[in-house]
Amino acid sequence: MVEPEGPVARAGWAVRSWWLIAGMWIRSTMAYRASFVLSLVANALITFLDFTVLLLMFGHTRQLAGWTLPETAFLYATSSIALGAANVLVGSVSGLGERVRAGSLDTMLVRPAPALAQLAAERFSLRRLGRLLQALAVLGWSLTALDVHWTWDRVLMVPALLLCGTLIFCALFVGCSCVQFWWGEAAELQNSVTYGGATLLQYPPTVFAREVVAGTVFGVPLAFVNWLPALHVLGRPDPLGLPAGFRFAAPLAAALCLLAAGLAWRAGLRAYRSTGS
């Protein structure tokens, strides 16, 4: 099969390939619907325990570092939605190290479909939607409970930060997984950046030292997932005193993260050496 020409055509073919492979796993999952429903509910309940911790905290205090429960719930929900959506789309790339060690990545490289799309859709699991659904419920509650004057720019900022946050986490999933081309046991590095980063973003930035917050802006750009956009939505001051433009820079941060992840993937493929088996 001839590879589609042009970046748009290749991107379209990658998305179609992902969907075809994911659809195969969905059909396999739905063959056991009772098991799927139970695992989905269990996943949602388990992830809700994180929010239960916040509820327990606010049972003993009215504010957390100056932030109310609805404001903190907004951070929790937006962080969890971005991570959950990225996990659904590309979470399976964490299995790259195992394929590199076993040499089974060769199978993906010779198929007429982008290897990254195949890896991202491999063993696609609908139970991952549990985290997403639970976070959407928390977001719906927080939006009704927030004491915010909803102007048009604040309304548009909410879906924009969810989209950009998802893209940033997708890039982090892929980029950190690429380390496994050289260091096969680096799966925990990906988990610390993605899941650990999402947990960090569930709490107000004023809880942490300025150095930590600065690291999420100028280091691993996690602050662009929800911290900086949320400052504009909630009308809160920036603890770092950054220019106001940083609150609207999430699309640029997402684009740069995707570019870096793409370059890391290409570099990893060039460095890959088959086991010969």
C-alpha atoms as a PDB file:
ATOM      1  CA  MET A   1       0.000   0.000   0.000  1.00  0.00           C
ATOM      2  CA  VAL A   2       1.325   3.452  -0.971  1.00  0.00           C
ATOM      3  CA  GLU A   3       1.690   5.849   1.961  1.00  0.00           C
ATOM      4  CA  PRO A   4      -0.584   8.923   1.632  1.00  0.00           C
ATOM      5  CA  GLU A   5       1.240  12.022   0.439  1.00  0.00           C
ATOM      6  CA  GLY A   6       1.199  15.323   2.282  1.00  0.00           C
ATOM      7  CA  PRO A   7       1.021  16.003   6.026  1.00  0.00           C
ATOM      8  CA  VAL A   8      -2.765  16.387   6.053  1.00  0.00           C
ATOM      9  CA  ALA A   9      -3.315  13.097   4.231  1.00  0.00           C
ATOM     10  CA  ARG A  10      -0.850  11.289   6.504  1.00  0.00           C
ATOM     11  CA  ALA A  11      -2.517  12.726   9.610  1.00  0.00           C
ATOM     12  CA  GLY A  12      -5.911  11.648   8.301  1.00  0.00           C
ATOM     13  CA  TRP A  13      -4.635   8.139   7.617  1.00  0.00           C
ATOM     14  CA  ALA A  14      -3.128   7.967  11.112  1.00  0.00           C
ATOM     15  CA  VAL A  15      -6.456   8.947  12.696  1.00  0.00           C
ATOM     16  CA  ARG A  16      -8.344   6.425  10.543  1.00  0.00           C
ATOM     17  CA  SER A  17      -5.856   3.696  11.432  1.00  0.00           C
ATOM     18  CA  TRP A  18      -6.231   4.488  15.132  1.00  0.00           C
ATOM     19  CA  TRP A  19     -10.008   4.358  14.838  1.00  0.00           C
ATOM     20  CA  LEU A  20     -10.022   1.046  12.967  1.00  0.00           C
ATOM     21  CA  ILE A  21      -7.764  -0.628  15.548  1.00  0.00           C
ATOM     22  CA  ALA A  22      -9.606   0.908  18.497  1.00  0.00           C
ATOM     23  CA  GLY A  23     -12.902  -0.198  16.967  1.00  0.00           C
ATOM     24  CA  MET A  24     -11.662  -3.769  16.865  1.00  0.00           C
ATOM     25  CA  TRP A  25     -10.897  -3.665  20.591  1.00  0.00           C
ATOM     26  CA  ILE A  26     -14.246  -1.993  21.325  1.00  0.00           C
ATOM     27  CA  ARG A  27     -16.107  -4.791  19.566  1.00  0.00           C
ATOM     28  CA  SER A  28     -14.097  -7.301  21.560  1.00  0.00           C
ATOM     29  CA  THR A  29     -14.942  -5.521  24.826  1.00  0.00           C
ATOM     30  CA  MET A  30     -18.656  -5.240  24.049  1.00  0.00           C
ATOM     31  CA  ALA A  31     -18.868  -8.998  23.583  1.00  0.00           C
ATOM     32  CA  TYR A  32     -18.871  -9.109  27.405  1.00  0.00           C
ATOM     33  CA  ARG A  33     -21.092  -6.140  28.239  1.00  0.00           C
ATOM     34  CA  ALA A  34     -21.732  -6.991  31.878  1.00  0.00           C
ATOM     35  CA  SER A  35     -17.991  -7.153  32.520  1.00  0.00           C
ATOM     36  CA  PHE A  36     -17.533  -3.839  30.696  1.00  0.00           C
ATOM     37  CA  VAL A  37     -20.210  -2.069  32.749  1.00  0.00           C
ATOM     38  CA  LEU A  38     -18.817  -3.381  36.030  1.00  0.00           C
ATOM     39  CA  SER A  39     -15.244  -2.364  35.153  1.00  0.00           C
ATOM     40  CA  LEU A  40     -16.435   1.072  34.001  1.00  0.00           C
ATOM     41  CA  VAL A  41     -18.326   1.688  37.247  1.00  0.00           C
ATOM     42  CA  ALA A  42     -15.413   0.386  39.326  1.00  0.00           C
ATOM     43  CA  ASN A  43     -12.980   2.670  37.503  1.00  0.00           C
ATOM     44  CA  ALA A  44     -15.223   5.689  38.078  1.00  0.00           C
ATOM     45  CA  LEU A  45     -15.602   4.892  41.780  1.00  0.00           C
ATOM     46  CA  ILE A  46     -11.881   4.362  42.272  1.00  0.00           C
ATOM     47  CA  THR A  47     -10.993   7.666  40.623  1.00  0.00           C
ATOM     48  CA  PHE A  48     -13.679   9.413  42.702  1.00  0.00           C
ATOM     49  CA  LEU A  49     -11.601   8.608  45.791  1.00  0.00           C
ATOM     50  CA  ASP A  50      -9.203  11.379  44.727  1.00  0.00           C
ATOM     51  CA  PHE A  51     -12.040  13.890  44.884  1.00  0.00           C
ATOM     52  CA  THR A  52     -13.179  12.412  48.190  1.00  0.00           C
ATOM     53  CA  VAL A  53      -9.807  13.485  49.630  1.00  0.00           C
ATOM     54  CA  LEU A  54     -10.607  17.075  48.641  1.00  0.00           C
ATOM     55  CA  LEU A  55     -14.060  16.822  50.194  1.00  0.00           C
ATOM     56  CA  LEU A  56     -12.518  15.604  53.452  1.00  0.00           C
ATOM     57  CA  MET A  57     -10.047  18.492  53.421  1.00  0.00           C
ATOM     58  CA  PHE A  58     -12.803  21.054  52.976  1.00  0.00           C
ATOM     59  CA  GLY A  59     -14.775  19.369  55.717  1.00  0.00           C
ATOM     60  CA  HIS A  60     -12.219  20.883  58.105  1.00  0.00           C
ATOM     61  CA  THR A  61     -11.500  24.211  56.373  1.00  0.00           C
ATOM     62  CA  ARG A  62     -13.414  26.661  54.192  1.00  0.00           C
ATOM     63  CA  GLN A  63     -10.445  27.470  51.971  1.00  0.00           C
ATOM     64  CA  LEU A  64      -7.295  25.735  50.771  1.00  0.00           C
ATOM     65  CA  ALA A  65      -4.482  28.244  50.266  1.00  0.00           C
ATOM     66  CA  GLY A  66      -7.157  30.851  49.566  1.00  0.00           C
ATOM     67  CA  TRP A  67      -9.166  28.701  47.109  1.00  0.00           C
ATOM     68  CA  THR A  68     -12.734  27.556  47.770  1.00  0.00           C
ATOM     69  CA  LEU A  69     -14.083  24.056  47.193  1.00  0.00           C
ATOM     70  CA  PRO A  70     -15.787  24.902  43.838  1.00  0.00           C
ATOM     71  CA  GLU A  71     -12.572  26.529  42.581  1.00  0.00           C
ATOM     72  CA  THR A  72     -10.461  23.557  43.643  1.00  0.00           C
ATOM     73  CA  ALA A  73     -13.047  21.197  42.147  1.00  0.00           C
ATOM     74  CA  PHE A  74     -12.686  23.105  38.874  1.00  0.00           C
ATOM     75  CA  LEU A  75      -8.937  22.451  38.922  1.00  0.00           C
ATOM     76  CA  TYR A  76      -9.500  18.799  39.831  1.00  0.00           C
ATOM     77  CA  ALA A  77     -12.041  18.264  37.069  1.00  0.00           C
ATOM     78  CA  THR A  78     -10.133  20.001  34.271  1.00  0.00           C
ATOM     79  CA  SER A  79      -6.915  18.180  35.153  1.00  0.00           C
ATOM     80  CA  SER A  80      -8.665  14.805  35.337  1.00  0.00           C
ATOM     81  CA  ILE A  81     -10.567  15.354  32.078  1.00  0.00           C
ATOM     82  CA  ALA A  82      -7.395  16.280  30.188  1.00  0.00           C
ATOM     83  CA  LEU A  83      -5.518  13.280  31.577  1.00  0.00           C
ATOM     84  CA  GLY A  84      -8.485  10.939  31.094  1.00  0.00           C
ATOM     85  CA  ALA A  85      -9.033  11.954  27.479  1.00  0.00           C
ATOM     86  CA  ALA A  86      -5.324  11.639  26.691  1.00  0.00           C
ATOM     87  CA  ASN A  87      -5.224   8.243  28.386  1.00  0.00           C
ATOM     88  CA  VAL A  88      -8.131   7.069  26.217  1.00  0.00           C
ATOM     89  CA  LEU A  89      -6.473   8.334  23.031  1.00  0.00           C
ATOM     90  CA  VAL A  90      -2.806   7.411  23.484  1.00  0.00           C
ATOM     91  CA  GLY A  91      -2.416   5.803  26.912  1.00  0.00           C
ATOM     92  CA  SER A  92      -1.374   2.485  25.397  1.00  0.00           C
ATOM     93  CA  VAL A  93       1.947   3.942  24.210  1.00  0.00           C
ATOM     94  CA  SER A  94       3.303   3.089  27.654  1.00  0.00           C
ATOM     95  CA  GLY A  95       3.716  -0.463  26.325  1.00  0.00           C
ATOM     96  CA  LEU A  96       6.438   0.675  23.929  1.00  0.00           C
ATOM     97  CA  GLY A  97       9.265  -0.544  26.169  1.00  0.00           C
ATOM     98  CA  GLU A  98       7.959  -4.105  26.204  1.00  0.00           C
ATOM     99  CA  ARG A  99       7.710  -4.132  22.414  1.00  0.00           C
ATOM    100  CA  VAL A 100      11.224  -2.732  22.062  1.00  0.00           C
ATOM    101  CA  ARG A 101      12.647  -5.380  24.396  1.00  0.00           C
ATOM    102  CA  ALA A 102      10.792  -8.208  22.652  1.00  0.00           C
ATOM    103  CA  GLY A 103      11.463  -6.887  19.158  1.00  0.00           C
ATOM    104  CA  SER A 104       7.729  -7.013  18.383  1.00  0.00           C
ATOM    105  CA  LEU A 105       7.769  -3.368  17.312  1.00  0.00           C
ATOM    106  CA  ASP A 106       9.034  -4.723  13.989  1.00  0.00           C
ATOM    107  CA  THR A 107       5.554  -6.081  13.312  1.00  0.00           C
ATOM    108  CA  MET A 108       4.058  -2.604  13.557  1.00  0.00           C
ATOM    109  CA  LEU A 109       6.756  -1.064  11.386  1.00  0.00           C
ATOM    110  CA  VAL A 110       6.022  -3.335   8.434  1.00  0.00           C
ATOM    111  CA  ARG A 111       2.237  -2.870   8.526  1.00  0.00           C
ATOM    112  CA  PRO A 112       0.607  -0.341   6.160  1.00  0.00           C
ATOM    113  CA  ALA A 113      -0.364   1.960   9.021  1.00  0.00           C
ATOM    114  CA  PRO A 114       1.551   4.490  11.151  1.00  0.00           C
ATOM    115  CA  ALA A 115       3.334   2.702  13.985  1.00  0.00           C
ATOM    116  CA  LEU A 116       2.393   5.392  16.522  1.00  0.00           C
ATOM    117  CA  ALA A 117      -1.304   5.075  15.683  1.00  0.00           C
ATOM    118  CA  GLN A 118      -1.093   1.298  16.065  1.00  0.00           C
ATOM    119  CA  LEU A 119       0.697   1.565  19.395  1.00  0.00           C
ATOM    120  CA  ALA A 120      -1.705   4.202  20.746  1.00  0.00           C
ATOM    121  CA  ALA A 121      -4.775   2.105  19.872  1.00  0.00           C
ATOM    122  CA  GLU A 122      -3.347  -1.224  20.993  1.00  0.00           C
ATOM    123  CA  ARG A 123      -5.528  -2.946  23.615  1.00  0.00           C
ATOM    124  CA  PHE A 124      -7.878   0.043  23.605  1.00  0.00           C
ATOM    125  CA  SER A 125      -9.945  -0.131  26.785  1.00  0.00           C
ATOM    126  CA  LEU A 126     -13.329   1.538  27.227  1.00  0.00           C
ATOM    127  CA  ARG A 127     -13.056   1.253  31.005  1.00  0.00           C
ATOM    128  CA  ARG A 128     -10.715   4.233  30.855  1.00  0.00           C
ATOM    129  CA  LEU A 129     -13.839   6.306  30.226  1.00  0.00           C
ATOM    130  CA  GLY A 130     -14.659   5.887  33.926  1.00  0.00           C
ATOM    131  CA  ARG A 131     -12.155   8.574  34.938  1.00  0.00           C
ATOM    132  CA  LEU A 132     -13.454  10.865  32.216  1.00  0.00           C
ATOM    133  CA  LEU A 133     -17.121  10.505  33.136  1.00  0.00           C
ATOM    134  CA  GLN A 134     -16.442  11.038  36.830  1.00  0.00           C
ATOM    135  CA  ALA A 135     -14.396  14.175  36.106  1.00  0.00           C
ATOM    136  CA  LEU A 136     -17.109  15.551  33.800  1.00  0.00           C
ATOM    137  CA  ALA A 137     -19.641  15.173  36.625  1.00  0.00           C
ATOM    138  CA  VAL A 138     -17.361  17.105  39.007  1.00  0.00           C
ATOM    139  CA  LEU A 139     -16.805  19.795  36.364  1.00  0.00           C
ATOM    140  CA  GLY A 140     -20.550  20.210  35.868  1.00  0.00           C
ATOM    141  CA  TRP A 141     -21.052  20.683  39.602  1.00  0.00           C
ATOM    142  CA  SER A 142     -18.154  23.116  39.959  1.00  0.00           C
ATOM    143  CA  LEU A 143     -19.365  25.309  37.083  1.00  0.00           C
ATOM    144  CA  THR A 144     -22.754  25.726  38.767  1.00  0.00           C
ATOM    145  CA  ALA A 145     -21.198  26.412  42.173  1.00  0.00           C
ATOM    146  CA  LEU A 146     -18.508  28.898  41.119  1.00  0.00           C
ATOM    147  CA  ASP A 147     -18.981  32.556  42.020  1.00  0.00           C
ATOM    148  CA  VAL A 148     -17.800  33.849  38.636  1.00  0.00           C
ATOM    149  CA  HIS A 149     -19.089  36.528  36.261  1.00  0.00           C
ATOM    150  CA  TRP A 150     -19.299  34.504  33.047  1.00  0.00           C
ATOM    151  CA  THR A 151     -18.159  36.710  30.182  1.00  0.00           C
ATOM    152  CA  TRP A 152     -17.805  35.320  26.650  1.00  0.00           C
ATOM    153  CA  ASP A 153     -14.028  34.948  26.937  1.00  0.00           C
ATOM    154  CA  ARG A 154     -14.318  32.986  30.186  1.00  0.00           C
ATOM    155  CA  VAL A 155     -16.975  30.722  28.690  1.00  0.00           C
ATOM    156  CA  LEU A 156     -14.797  29.981  25.647  1.00  0.00           C
ATOM    157  CA  MET A 157     -11.755  29.459  27.833  1.00  0.00           C
ATOM    158  CA  VAL A 158     -13.254  26.336  29.465  1.00  0.00           C
ATOM    159  CA  PRO A 159     -13.508  24.133  26.314  1.00  0.00           C
ATOM    160  CA  ALA A 160     -10.250  25.627  25.029  1.00  0.00           C
ATOM    161  CA  LEU A 161      -8.306  24.657  28.145  1.00  0.00           C
ATOM    162  CA  LEU A 162      -9.809  21.145  28.066  1.00  0.00           C
ATOM    163  CA  LEU A 163      -8.736  20.674  24.442  1.00  0.00           C
ATOM    164  CA  CYS A 164      -5.262  22.136  24.930  1.00  0.00           C
ATOM    165  CA  GLY A 165      -4.787  20.243  28.185  1.00  0.00           C
ATOM    166  CA  THR A 166      -5.674  16.987  26.460  1.00  0.00           C
ATOM    167  CA  LEU A 167      -3.189  17.681  23.669  1.00  0.00           C
ATOM    168  CA  ILE A 168      -0.454  18.534  26.178  1.00  0.00           C
ATOM    169  CA  PHE A 169      -0.998  15.295  28.064  1.00  0.00           C
ATOM    170  CA  CYS A 170      -1.082  13.352  24.759  1.00  0.00           C
ATOM    171  CA  ALA A 171       2.288  14.861  23.906  1.00  0.00           C
ATOM    172  CA  LEU A 172       3.654  14.004  27.351  1.00  0.00           C
ATOM    173  CA  PHE A 173       2.422  10.405  27.051  1.00  0.00           C
ATOM    174  CA  VAL A 174       4.165   9.998  23.693  1.00  0.00           C
ATOM    175  CA  GLY A 175       7.267  12.034  24.467  1.00  0.00           C
ATOM    176  CA  CYS A 176       8.002  10.309  27.770  1.00  0.00           C
ATOM    177  CA  SER A 177       7.316   6.893  26.243  1.00  0.00           C
ATOM    178  CA  CYS A 178       9.967   7.565  23.598  1.00  0.00           C
ATOM    179  CA  VAL A 179      12.607   7.398  26.341  1.00  0.00           C
ATOM    180  CA  GLN A 180      11.957   3.642  26.270  1.00  0.00           C
ATOM    181  CA  PHE A 181      13.661   3.421  22.876  1.00  0.00           C
ATOM    182  CA  TRP A 182      16.928   3.932  24.766  1.00  0.00           C
ATOM    183  CA  TRP A 183      15.926   2.952  28.308  1.00  0.00           C
ATOM    184  CA  GLY A 184      13.442   0.117  28.258  1.00  0.00           C
ATOM    185  CA  GLU A 185      12.513   0.383  31.938  1.00  0.00           C
ATOM    186  CA  ALA A 186      11.391   4.015  31.770  1.00  0.00           C
ATOM    187  CA  ALA A 187       7.619   3.425  31.937  1.00  0.00           C
ATOM    188  CA  GLU A 188       7.508   4.846  35.460  1.00  0.00           C
ATOM    189  CA  LEU A 189       9.016   8.083  34.157  1.00  0.00           C
ATOM    190  CA  GLN A 190       5.963   8.524  31.969  1.00  0.00           C
ATOM    191  CA  ASN A 191       3.653   7.777  34.902  1.00  0.00           C
ATOM    192  CA  SER A 192       5.391  10.287  37.155  1.00  0.00           C
ATOM    193  CA  VAL A 193       5.048  13.067  34.572  1.00  0.00           C
ATOM    194  CA  THR A 194       1.490  12.283  33.411  1.00  0.00           C
ATOM    195  CA  TYR A 195      -0.391  10.840  36.392  1.00  0.00           C
ATOM    196  CA  GLY A 196       1.841  12.635  38.881  1.00  0.00           C
ATOM    197  CA  GLY A 197       1.486  15.876  36.970  1.00  0.00           C
ATOM    198  CA  ALA A 198      -2.302  15.551  36.865  1.00  0.00           C
ATOM    199  CA  THR A 199      -2.388  15.035  40.641  1.00  0.00           C
ATOM    200  CA  LEU A 200      -0.270  18.158  41.091  1.00  0.00           C
ATOM    201  CA  LEU A 201      -2.688  20.204  38.981  1.00  0.00           C
ATOM    202  CA  GLN A 202      -5.679  19.119  41.053  1.00  0.00           C
ATOM    203  CA  TYR A 203      -4.583  21.468  43.835  1.00  0.00           C
ATOM    204  CA  PRO A 204      -4.263  25.276  43.765  1.00  0.00           C
ATOM    205  CA  PRO A 205      -0.841  26.578  42.663  1.00  0.00           C
ATOM    206  CA  THR A 206      -0.639  28.626  45.850  1.00  0.00           C
ATOM    207  CA  VAL A 207      -0.256  25.370  47.809  1.00  0.00           C
ATOM    208  CA  PHE A 208       3.190  24.817  46.311  1.00  0.00           C
ATOM    209  CA  ALA A 209       6.478  26.692  46.445  1.00  0.00           C
ATOM    210  CA  ARG A 210       7.130  29.274  43.741  1.00  0.00           C
ATOM    211  CA  GLU A 211       9.950  27.128  42.371  1.00  0.00           C
ATOM    212  CA  VAL A 212       7.560  24.219  41.783  1.00  0.00           C
ATOM    213  CA  VAL A 213       5.031  26.450  40.011  1.00  0.00           C
ATOM    214  CA  ALA A 214       7.781  28.014  37.893  1.00  0.00           C
ATOM    215  CA  GLY A 215       8.938  24.518  36.910  1.00  0.00           C
ATOM    216  CA  THR A 216       5.476  23.756  35.515  1.00  0.00           C
ATOM    217  CA  VAL A 217       5.660  26.889  33.359  1.00  0.00           C
ATOM    218  CA  PHE A 218       9.245  26.950  32.110  1.00  0.00           C
ATOM    219  CA  GLY A 219      10.094  23.261  32.513  1.00  0.00           C
ATOM    220  CA  VAL A 220       7.461  20.593  31.911  1.00  0.00           C
ATOM    221  CA  PRO A 221       4.571  22.857  30.764  1.00  0.00           C
ATOM    222  CA  LEU A 222       1.891  21.394  33.008  1.00  0.00           C
ATOM    223  CA  ALA A 223       0.686  24.824  34.191  1.00  0.00           C
ATOM    224  CA  PHE A 224      -0.800  25.447  30.732  1.00  0.00           C
ATOM    225  CA  VAL A 225      -3.139  22.465  31.201  1.00  0.00           C
ATOM    226  CA  ASN A 226      -5.315  24.287  33.728  1.00  0.00           C
ATOM    227  CA  TRP A 227      -3.463  26.453  36.250  1.00  0.00           C
ATOM    228  CA  LEU A 228      -2.804  29.459  34.020  1.00  0.00           C
ATOM    229  CA  PRO A 229      -6.103  29.364  32.069  1.00  0.00           C
ATOM    230  CA  ALA A 230      -8.012  28.854  35.336  1.00  0.00           C
ATOM    231  CA  LEU A 231      -6.546  32.093  36.710  1.00  0.00           C
ATOM    232  CA  HIS A 232      -8.366  33.945  33.952  1.00  0.00           C
ATOM    233  CA  VAL A 233     -11.606  31.975  34.324  1.00  0.00           C
ATOM    234  CA  LEU A 234     -11.703  32.421  38.093  1.00  0.00           C
ATOM    235  CA  GLY A 235     -10.333  35.972  38.117  1.00  0.00           C
ATOM    236  CA  ARG A 236      -7.426  35.124  40.394  1.00  0.00           C
ATOM    237  CA  PRO A 237      -3.962  36.729  40.539  1.00  0.00           C
ATOM    238  CA  ASP A 238      -0.917  34.897  39.238  1.00  0.00           C
ATOM    239  CA  PRO A 239       1.314  33.721  42.126  1.00  0.00           C
ATOM    240  CA  LEU A 240       4.366  34.190  39.874  1.00  0.00           C
ATOM    241  CA  GLY A 241       3.344  37.618  38.588  1.00  0.00           C
ATOM    242  CA  LEU A 242       3.697  36.540  34.946  1.00  0.00           C
ATOM    243  CA  PRO A 243       2.399  38.714  32.077  1.00  0.00           C
ATOM    244  CA  ALA A 244      -1.316  38.248  31.388  1.00  0.00           C
ATOM    245  CA  GLY A 245      -0.535  36.712  27.994  1.00  0.00           C
ATOM    246  CA  PHE A 246       0.636  33.506  29.671  1.00  0.00           C
ATOM    247  CA  ARG A 247      -2.977  32.763  30.623  1.00  0.00           C
ATOM    248  CA  PHE A 248      -3.865  32.560  26.925  1.00  0.00           C
ATOM    249  CA  ALA A 249      -0.746  30.687  25.785  1.00  0.00           C
ATOM    250  CA  ALA A 250      -2.117  27.141  26.196  1.00  0.00           C
ATOM    251  CA  PRO A 251      -2.606  26.640  22.398  1.00  0.00           C
ATOM    252  CA  LEU A 252       1.010  27.630  21.763  1.00  0.00           C
ATOM    253  CA  ALA A 253       2.226  25.376  24.577  1.00  0.00           C
ATOM    254  CA  ALA A 254       0.170  22.475  23.188  1.00  0.00           C
ATOM    255  CA  ALA A 255       1.567  23.010  19.685  1.00  0.00           C
ATOM    256  CA  LEU A 256       5.155  23.078  20.957  1.00  0.00           C
ATOM    257  CA  CYS A 257       4.567  19.957  23.069  1.00  0.00           C
ATOM    258  CA  LEU A 258       3.146  18.075  20.077  1.00  0.00           C
ATOM    259  CA  LEU A 259       6.088  19.169  17.949  1.00  0.00           C
ATOM    260  CA  ALA A 260       8.568  18.017  20.599  1.00  0.00           C
ATOM    261  CA  ALA A 261       6.764  14.677  20.977  1.00  0.00           C
ATOM    262  CA  GLY A 262       6.781  14.164  17.200  1.00  0.00           C
ATOM    263  CA  LEU A 263      10.510  14.871  17.002  1.00  0.00           C
ATOM    264  CA  ALA A 264      11.156  12.506  19.922  1.00  0.00           C
ATOM    265  CA  TRP A 265       9.177   9.754  18.193  1.00  0.00           C
ATOM    266  CA  ARG A 266      11.077  10.191  14.918  1.00  0.00           C
ATOM    267  CA  ALA A 267      14.402  10.210  16.766  1.00  0.00           C
ATOM    268  CA  GLY A 268      13.412   7.062  18.637  1.00  0.00           C
ATOM    269  CA  LEU A 269      12.467   5.233  15.447  1.00  0.00           C
ATOM    270  CA  ARG A 270      15.785   6.169  13.853  1.00  0.00           C
ATOM    271  CA  ALA A 271      17.639   4.877  16.922  1.00  0.00           C
ATOM    272  CA  TYR A 272      15.600   1.657  17.152  1.00  0.00           C
ATOM    273  CA  ARG A 273      17.470  -1.539  16.455  1.00  0.00           C
ATOM    274  CA  SER A 274      15.549  -4.763  16.091  1.00  0.00           C
ATOM    275  CA  THR A 275      16.412  -7.745  18.277  1.00  0.00           C
ATOM    276  CA  GLY A 276      16.742  -9.791  15.105  1.00  0.00           C
ATOM    277  CA  SER A 277      14.295 -12.399  16.325  1.00  0.00           C
END
